[in-house]
Amino acid sequence: MSAPAQPDTDPRATLRGGLPDRYLTPDDIAEMFEVPKETVYQWRKKRIGPPGFRIGKHLRYDPADVRAYVTSRKGADAEAA
């Protein structure tokens, strides 16, 4: 007997909300939000975008933090409407 077929989707993808299983770069954030990379750096400088952190000289974003940021923005926009 053969083992049951594995689903094509990774169950962790649901937990991550479709975000990749790696730390994101500023280029990734700019692409996700369809903004210039300079805007991502300005968000960080003004502390208004998703929280990032440095690994040496490299700026990275945790996908879970980005997801939480998007969720909080959706909530803030819903309250303002």
PDB file of N, CA and C in Angstrom:
ATOM      1  N   MET A   1       0.833  -1.190   0.000  1.00  0.00           N
ATOM      2  CA  MET A   1       0.000   0.000   0.000  1.00  0.00           C
ATOM      3  C   MET A   1       0.869   1.242   0.000  1.00  0.00           C
ATOM      4  N   SER A   2       0.413   2.213  -0.701  1.00  0.00           N
ATOM      5  CA  SER A   2       1.172   3.461  -0.762  1.00  0.00           C
ATOM      6  C   SER A   2       0.672   4.420   0.316  1.00  0.00           C
ATOM      7  N   ALA A   3       1.568   5.302   0.685  1.00  0.00           N
ATOM      8  CA  ALA A   3       1.226   6.303   1.696  1.00  0.00           C
ATOM      9  C   ALA A   3       0.266   7.313   1.075  1.00  0.00           C
ATOM     10  N   PRO A   4      -0.571   7.953   1.904  1.00  0.00           N
ATOM     11  CA  PRO A   4      -1.478   8.973   1.371  1.00  0.00           C
ATOM     12  C   PRO A   4      -0.687  10.100   0.719  1.00  0.00           C
ATOM     13  N   ALA A   5      -1.242  10.641  -0.325  1.00  0.00           N
ATOM     14  CA  ALA A   5      -0.572  11.717  -1.051  1.00  0.00           C
ATOM     15  C   ALA A   5      -0.467  12.961  -0.172  1.00  0.00           C
ATOM     16  N   GLN A   6       0.685  13.602  -0.251  1.00  0.00           N
ATOM     17  CA  GLN A   6       0.900  14.839   0.498  1.00  0.00           C
ATOM     18  C   GLN A   6       0.193  15.979  -0.220  1.00  0.00           C
ATOM     19  N   PRO A   7      -0.453  16.870   0.509  1.00  0.00           N
ATOM     20  CA  PRO A   7      -1.086  18.000  -0.158  1.00  0.00           C
ATOM     21  C   PRO A   7      -0.030  18.870  -0.840  1.00  0.00           C
ATOM     22  N   ASP A   8      -0.424  19.514  -1.927  1.00  0.00           N
ATOM     23  CA  ASP A   8       0.500  20.357  -2.684  1.00  0.00           C
ATOM     24  C   ASP A   8       0.897  21.603  -1.913  1.00  0.00           C
ATOM     25  N   THR A   9       0.056  22.040  -0.987  1.00  0.00           N
ATOM     26  CA  THR A   9       0.361  23.257  -0.248  1.00  0.00           C
ATOM     27  C   THR A   9       1.034  22.923   1.073  1.00  0.00           C
ATOM     28  N   ASP A  10       1.960  23.754   1.425  1.00  0.00           N
ATOM     29  CA  ASP A  10       2.661  23.624   2.695  1.00  0.00           C
ATOM     30  C   ASP A  10       1.755  24.204   3.783  1.00  0.00           C
ATOM     31  N   PRO A  11       1.437  23.431   4.831  1.00  0.00           N
ATOM     32  CA  PRO A  11       0.542  23.969   5.867  1.00  0.00           C
ATOM     33  C   PRO A  11       1.101  25.204   6.557  1.00  0.00           C
ATOM     34  N   ARG A  12       2.429  25.355   6.544  1.00  0.00           N
ATOM     35  CA  ARG A  12       3.009  26.554   7.162  1.00  0.00           C
ATOM     36  C   ARG A  12       2.672  27.806   6.374  1.00  0.00           C
ATOM     37  N   ALA A  13       2.374  27.649   5.081  1.00  0.00           N
ATOM     38  CA  ALA A  13       2.026  28.811   4.258  1.00  0.00           C
ATOM     39  C   ALA A  13       0.772  29.489   4.781  1.00  0.00           C
ATOM     40  N   THR A  14      -0.169  28.702   5.294  1.00  0.00           N
ATOM     41  CA  THR A  14      -1.386  29.275   5.864  1.00  0.00           C
ATOM     42  C   THR A  14      -1.052  30.095   7.105  1.00  0.00           C
ATOM     43  N   LEU A  15      -0.147  29.586   7.928  1.00  0.00           N
ATOM     44  CA  LEU A  15       0.237  30.306   9.139  1.00  0.00           C
ATOM     45  C   LEU A  15       0.976  31.593   8.794  1.00  0.00           C
ATOM     46  N   ARG A  16       1.758  31.560   7.733  1.00  0.00           N
ATOM     47  CA  ARG A  16       2.516  32.738   7.321  1.00  0.00           C
ATOM     48  C   ARG A  16       1.677  33.686   6.488  1.00  0.00           C
ATOM     49  N   GLY A  17       0.487  33.283   6.134  1.00  0.00           N
ATOM     50  CA  GLY A  17      -0.373  34.137   5.318  1.00  0.00           C
ATOM     51  C   GLY A  17       0.179  34.342   3.919  1.00  0.00           C
ATOM     52  N   GLY A  18       0.870  33.338   3.380  1.00  0.00           N
ATOM     53  CA  GLY A  18       1.398  33.431   2.034  1.00  0.00           C
ATOM     54  C   GLY A  18       2.743  34.118   1.936  1.00  0.00           C
ATOM     55  N   LEU A  19       3.300  34.580   3.048  1.00  0.00           N
ATOM     56  CA  LEU A  19       4.611  35.229   3.010  1.00  0.00           C
ATOM     57  C   LEU A  19       5.711  34.173   2.969  1.00  0.00           C
ATOM     58  N   PRO A  20       6.870  34.504   2.422  1.00  0.00           N
ATOM     59  CA  PRO A  20       7.945  33.518   2.308  1.00  0.00           C
ATOM     60  C   PRO A  20       8.502  33.104   3.668  1.00  0.00           C
ATOM     61  N   ASP A  21       9.131  31.935   3.684  1.00  0.00           N
ATOM     62  CA  ASP A  21       9.709  31.379   4.904  1.00  0.00           C
ATOM     63  C   ASP A  21      11.170  31.810   5.027  1.00  0.00           C
ATOM     64  N   ARG A  22      11.394  33.101   4.963  1.00  0.00           N
ATOM     65  CA  ARG A  22      12.726  33.669   5.116  1.00  0.00           C
ATOM     66  C   ARG A  22      12.550  35.131   5.503  1.00  0.00           C
ATOM     67  N   TYR A  23      13.618  35.736   5.996  1.00  0.00           N
ATOM     68  CA  TYR A  23      13.547  37.159   6.292  1.00  0.00           C
ATOM     69  C   TYR A  23      13.493  37.944   4.988  1.00  0.00           C
ATOM     70  N   LEU A  24      12.751  39.032   4.995  1.00  0.00           N
ATOM     71  CA  LEU A  24      12.537  39.839   3.801  1.00  0.00           C
ATOM     72  C   LEU A  24      13.543  40.980   3.726  1.00  0.00           C
ATOM     73  N   THR A  25      13.890  41.363   2.522  1.00  0.00           N
ATOM     74  CA  THR A  25      14.800  42.486   2.289  1.00  0.00           C
ATOM     75  C   THR A  25      13.982  43.747   2.000  1.00  0.00           C
ATOM     76  N   PRO A  26      14.624  44.914   2.028  1.00  0.00           N
ATOM     77  CA  PRO A  26      13.912  46.135   1.629  1.00  0.00           C
ATOM     78  C   PRO A  26      13.345  46.044   0.207  1.00  0.00           C
ATOM     79  N   ASP A  27      14.058  45.359  -0.681  1.00  0.00           N
ATOM     80  CA  ASP A  27      13.538  45.161  -2.039  1.00  0.00           C
ATOM     81  C   ASP A  27      12.238  44.362  -2.014  1.00  0.00           C
ATOM     82  N   ASP A  28      12.184  43.336  -1.162  1.00  0.00           N
ATOM     83  CA  ASP A  28      10.962  42.530  -1.038  1.00  0.00           C
ATOM     84  C   ASP A  28       9.800  43.383  -0.546  1.00  0.00           C
ATOM     85  N   ILE A  29      10.060  44.210   0.465  1.00  0.00           N
ATOM     86  CA  ILE A  29       9.012  45.065   1.030  1.00  0.00           C
ATOM     87  C   ILE A  29       8.525  46.058  -0.024  1.00  0.00           C
ATOM     88  N   ALA A  30       9.465  46.668  -0.751  1.00  0.00           N
ATOM     89  CA  ALA A  30       9.092  47.630  -1.797  1.00  0.00           C
ATOM     90  C   ALA A  30       8.234  46.955  -2.861  1.00  0.00           C
ATOM     91  N   GLU A  31       8.584  45.744  -3.232  1.00  0.00           N
ATOM     92  CA  GLU A  31       7.810  45.020  -4.239  1.00  0.00           C
ATOM     93  C   GLU A  31       6.420  44.654  -3.708  1.00  0.00           C
ATOM     94  N   MET A  32       6.352  44.212  -2.457  1.00  0.00           N
ATOM     95  CA  MET A  32       5.068  43.815  -1.874  1.00  0.00           C
ATOM     96  C   MET A  32       4.089  44.978  -1.827  1.00  0.00           C
ATOM     97  N   PHE A  33       4.576  46.144  -1.419  1.00  0.00           N
ATOM     98  CA  PHE A  33       3.711  47.310  -1.249  1.00  0.00           C
ATOM     99  C   PHE A  33       3.680  48.210  -2.485  1.00  0.00           C
ATOM    100  N   GLU A  34       4.416  47.821  -3.523  1.00  0.00           N
ATOM    101  CA  GLU A  34       4.470  48.579  -4.779  1.00  0.00           C
ATOM    102  C   GLU A  34       4.852  50.039  -4.547  1.00  0.00           C
ATOM    103  N   VAL A  35       5.940  50.215  -3.797  1.00  0.00           N
ATOM    104  CA  VAL A  35       6.490  51.539  -3.530  1.00  0.00           C
ATOM    105  C   VAL A  35       7.984  51.503  -3.867  1.00  0.00           C
ATOM    106  N   PRO A  36       8.588  52.660  -4.085  1.00  0.00           N
ATOM    107  CA  PRO A  36      10.041  52.678  -4.306  1.00  0.00           C
ATOM    108  C   PRO A  36      10.792  52.216  -3.057  1.00  0.00           C
ATOM    109  N   LYS A  37      11.977  51.669  -3.259  1.00  0.00           N
ATOM    110  CA  LYS A  37      12.782  51.203  -2.118  1.00  0.00           C
ATOM    111  C   LYS A  37      13.102  52.359  -1.172  1.00  0.00           C
ATOM    112  N   GLU A  38      13.288  53.549  -1.715  1.00  0.00           N
ATOM    113  CA  GLU A  38      13.565  54.713  -0.870  1.00  0.00           C
ATOM    114  C   GLU A  38      12.425  54.970   0.112  1.00  0.00           C
ATOM    115  N   THR A  39      11.196  54.704  -0.284  1.00  0.00           N
ATOM    116  CA  THR A  39      10.047  54.860   0.613  1.00  0.00           C
ATOM    117  C   THR A  39      10.166  53.906   1.795  1.00  0.00           C
ATOM    118  N   VAL A  40      10.611  52.702   1.546  1.00  0.00           N
ATOM    119  CA  VAL A  40      10.799  51.717   2.621  1.00  0.00           C
ATOM    120  C   VAL A  40      11.818  52.241   3.631  1.00  0.00           C
ATOM    121  N   TYR A  41      12.917  52.817   3.134  1.00  0.00           N
ATOM    122  CA  TYR A  41      13.929  53.379   4.033  1.00  0.00           C
ATOM    123  C   TYR A  41      13.386  54.585   4.801  1.00  0.00           C
ATOM    124  N   GLN A  42      12.548  55.395   4.161  1.00  0.00           N
ATOM    125  CA  GLN A  42      11.940  56.537   4.850  1.00  0.00           C
ATOM    126  C   GLN A  42      10.981  56.074   5.943  1.00  0.00           C
ATOM    127  N   TRP A  43      10.209  55.017   5.664  1.00  0.00           N
ATOM    128  CA  TRP A  43       9.320  54.456   6.692  1.00  0.00           C
ATOM    129  C   TRP A  43      10.125  54.044   7.909  1.00  0.00           C
ATOM    130  N   ARG A  44      11.256  53.389   7.656  1.00  0.00           N
ATOM    131  CA  ARG A  44      12.084  52.932   8.783  1.00  0.00           C
ATOM    132  C   ARG A  44      12.624  54.128   9.563  1.00  0.00           C
ATOM    133  N   LYS A  45      13.099  55.139   8.853  1.00  0.00           N
ATOM    134  CA  LYS A  45      13.657  56.334   9.495  1.00  0.00           C
ATOM    135  C   LYS A  45      12.597  57.035  10.345  1.00  0.00           C
ATOM    136  N   LYS A  46      11.375  57.113   9.827  1.00  0.00           N
ATOM    137  CA  LYS A  46      10.276  57.780  10.541  1.00  0.00           C
ATOM    138  C   LYS A  46       9.536  56.848  11.497  1.00  0.00           C
ATOM    139  N   ARG A  47       9.894  55.565  11.485  1.00  0.00           N
ATOM    140  CA  ARG A  47       9.257  54.544  12.334  1.00  0.00           C
ATOM    141  C   ARG A  47       7.751  54.439  12.079  1.00  0.00           C
ATOM    142  N   ILE A  48       7.382  54.458  10.794  1.00  0.00           N
ATOM    143  CA  ILE A  48       5.960  54.349  10.479  1.00  0.00           C
ATOM    144  C   ILE A  48       5.632  53.104   9.663  1.00  0.00           C
ATOM    145  N   GLY A  49       6.636  52.369   9.229  1.00  0.00           N
ATOM    146  CA  GLY A  49       6.405  51.168   8.423  1.00  0.00           C
ATOM    147  C   GLY A  49       6.561  49.908   9.259  1.00  0.00           C
ATOM    148  N   PRO A  50       6.626  48.767   8.599  1.00  0.00           N
ATOM    149  CA  PRO A  50       6.833  47.521   9.332  1.00  0.00           C
ATOM    150  C   PRO A  50       8.191  47.546  10.029  1.00  0.00           C
ATOM    151  N   PRO A  51       8.270  46.976  11.235  1.00  0.00           N
ATOM    152  CA  PRO A  51       9.536  47.007  11.967  1.00  0.00           C
ATOM    153  C   PRO A  51      10.587  46.117  11.304  1.00  0.00           C
ATOM    154  N   GLY A  52      11.781  46.640  11.187  1.00  0.00           N
ATOM    155  CA  GLY A  52      12.884  45.880  10.622  1.00  0.00           C
ATOM    156  C   GLY A  52      14.004  45.757  11.638  1.00  0.00           C
ATOM    157  N   PHE A  53      15.014  45.006  11.278  1.00  0.00           N
ATOM    158  CA  PHE A  53      16.176  44.835  12.148  1.00  0.00           C
ATOM    159  C   PHE A  53      17.407  44.639  11.276  1.00  0.00           C
ATOM    160  N   ARG A  54      18.551  44.857  11.864  1.00  0.00           N
ATOM    161  CA  ARG A  54      19.800  44.713  11.128  1.00  0.00           C
ATOM    162  C   ARG A  54      20.497  43.407  11.496  1.00  0.00           C
ATOM    163  N   ILE A  55      21.068  42.796  10.474  1.00  0.00           N
ATOM    164  CA  ILE A  55      21.984  41.674  10.659  1.00  0.00           C
ATOM    165  C   ILE A  55      23.277  42.160  10.024  1.00  0.00           C
ATOM    166  N   GLY A  56      24.196  42.600  10.861  1.00  0.00           N
ATOM    167  CA  GLY A  56      25.388  43.265  10.346  1.00  0.00           C
ATOM    168  C   GLY A  56      24.963  44.563   9.684  1.00  0.00           C
ATOM    169  N   LYS A  57      25.316  44.732   8.433  1.00  0.00           N
ATOM    170  CA  LYS A  57      24.931  45.957   7.723  1.00  0.00           C
ATOM    171  C   LYS A  57      23.656  45.772   6.912  1.00  0.00           C
ATOM    172  N   HIS A  58      23.063  44.598   6.972  1.00  0.00           N
ATOM    173  CA  HIS A  58      21.897  44.284   6.148  1.00  0.00           C
ATOM    174  C   HIS A  58      20.597  44.470   6.916  1.00  0.00           C
ATOM    175  N   LEU A  59      19.644  45.156   6.306  1.00  0.00           N
ATOM    176  CA  LEU A  59      18.325  45.380   6.884  1.00  0.00           C
ATOM    177  C   LEU A  59      17.411  44.232   6.481  1.00  0.00           C
ATOM    178  N   ARG A  60      16.704  43.666   7.452  1.00  0.00           N
ATOM    179  CA  ARG A  60      15.794  42.554   7.187  1.00  0.00           C
ATOM    180  C   ARG A  60      14.491  42.782   7.932  1.00  0.00           C
ATOM    181  N   TYR A  61      13.458  42.104   7.437  1.00  0.00           N
ATOM    182  CA  TYR A  61      12.117  42.184   8.026  1.00  0.00           C
ATOM    183  C   TYR A  61      11.614  40.769   8.271  1.00  0.00           C
ATOM    184  N   ASP A  62      11.034  40.557   9.448  1.00  0.00           N
ATOM    185  CA  ASP A  62      10.428  39.266   9.768  1.00  0.00           C
ATOM    186  C   ASP A  62       9.044  39.225   9.113  1.00  0.00           C
ATOM    187  N   PRO A  63       8.748  38.181   8.330  1.00  0.00           N
ATOM    188  CA  PRO A  63       7.433  38.109   7.671  1.00  0.00           C
ATOM    189  C   PRO A  63       6.264  38.201   8.660  1.00  0.00           C
ATOM    190  N   ALA A  64       6.428  37.660   9.860  1.00  0.00           N
ATOM    191  CA  ALA A  64       5.357  37.737  10.863  1.00  0.00           C
ATOM    192  C   ALA A  64       5.116  39.187  11.288  1.00  0.00           C
ATOM    193  N   ASP A  65       6.194  39.973  11.414  1.00  0.00           N
ATOM    194  CA  ASP A  65       6.055  41.387  11.777  1.00  0.00           C
ATOM    195  C   ASP A  65       5.397  42.179  10.645  1.00  0.00           C
ATOM    196  N   VAL A  66       5.730  41.837   9.418  1.00  0.00           N
ATOM    197  CA  VAL A  66       5.119  42.513   8.261  1.00  0.00           C
ATOM    198  C   VAL A  66       3.626  42.206   8.226  1.00  0.00           C
ATOM    199  N   ARG A  67       3.275  40.947   8.473  1.00  0.00           N
ATOM    200  CA  ARG A  67       1.859  40.538   8.494  1.00  0.00           C
ATOM    201  C   ARG A  67       1.116  41.287   9.597  1.00  0.00           C
ATOM    202  N   ALA A  68       1.718  41.395  10.788  1.00  0.00           N
ATOM    203  CA  ALA A  68       1.091  42.116  11.903  1.00  0.00           C
ATOM    204  C   ALA A  68       0.929  43.596  11.563  1.00  0.00           C
ATOM    205  N   TYR A  69       1.909  44.173  10.888  1.00  0.00           N
ATOM    206  CA  TYR A  69       1.823  45.579  10.481  1.00  0.00           C
ATOM    207  C   TYR A  69       0.644  45.787   9.528  1.00  0.00           C
ATOM    208  N   VAL A  70       0.523  44.915   8.540  1.00  0.00           N
ATOM    209  CA  VAL A  70      -0.571  45.033   7.572  1.00  0.00           C
ATOM    210  C   VAL A  70      -1.913  44.891   8.284  1.00  0.00           C
ATOM    211  N   THR A  71      -2.021  43.930   9.183  1.00  0.00           N
ATOM    212  CA  THR A  71      -3.261  43.721   9.934  1.00  0.00           C
ATOM    213  C   THR A  71      -3.610  44.955  10.765  1.00  0.00           C
ATOM    214  N   SER A  72      -2.603  45.548  11.410  1.00  0.00           N
ATOM    215  CA  SER A  72      -2.862  46.739  12.229  1.00  0.00           C
ATOM    216  C   SER A  72      -3.292  47.925  11.362  1.00  0.00           C
ATOM    217  N   ARG A  73      -2.696  48.055  10.168  1.00  0.00           N
ATOM    218  CA  ARG A  73      -3.082  49.135   9.261  1.00  0.00           C
ATOM    219  C   ARG A  73      -4.507  48.953   8.764  1.00  0.00           C
ATOM    220  N   LYS A  74      -4.873  47.724   8.490  1.00  0.00           N
ATOM    221  CA  LYS A  74      -6.252  47.450   8.057  1.00  0.00           C
ATOM    222  C   LYS A  74      -7.232  47.843   9.150  1.00  0.00           C
ATOM    223  N   GLY A  75      -6.896  47.523  10.398  1.00  0.00           N
ATOM    224  CA  GLY A  75      -7.758  47.877  11.528  1.00  0.00           C
ATOM    225  C   GLY A  75      -7.859  49.377  11.710  1.00  0.00           C
ATOM    226  N   ALA A  76      -6.727  50.071  11.565  1.00  0.00           N
ATOM    227  CA  ALA A  76      -6.725  51.528  11.724  1.00  0.00           C
ATOM    228  C   ALA A  76      -7.537  52.194  10.617  1.00  0.00           C
ATOM    229  N   ASP A  77      -7.435  51.692   9.404  1.00  0.00           N
ATOM    230  CA  ASP A  77      -8.188  52.266   8.297  1.00  0.00           C
ATOM    231  C   ASP A  77      -9.676  52.005   8.452  1.00  0.00           C
ATOM    232  N   ALA A  78     -10.032  50.846   8.992  1.00  0.00           N
ATOM    233  CA  ALA A  78     -11.455  50.507   9.188  1.00  0.00           C
ATOM    234  C   ALA A  78     -12.076  51.424  10.251  1.00  0.00           C
ATOM    235  N   GLU A  79     -11.299  51.733  11.304  1.00  0.00           N
ATOM    236  CA  GLU A  79     -11.797  52.607  12.367  1.00  0.00           C
ATOM    237  C   GLU A  79     -11.946  54.044  11.876  1.00  0.00           C
ATOM    238  N   ALA A  80     -11.076  54.458  10.964  1.00  0.00           N
ATOM    239  CA  ALA A  80     -11.111  55.824  10.451  1.00  0.00           C
ATOM    240  C   ALA A  80     -12.275  56.035   9.478  1.00  0.00           C
ATOM    241  N   ALA A  81     -12.734  54.959   8.877  1.00  0.00           N
ATOM    242  CA  ALA A  81     -13.798  55.094   7.860  1.00  0.00           C
ATOM    243  C   ALA A  81     -15.158  55.286   8.459  1.00  0.00           C
TER     244      ALA A  81
END
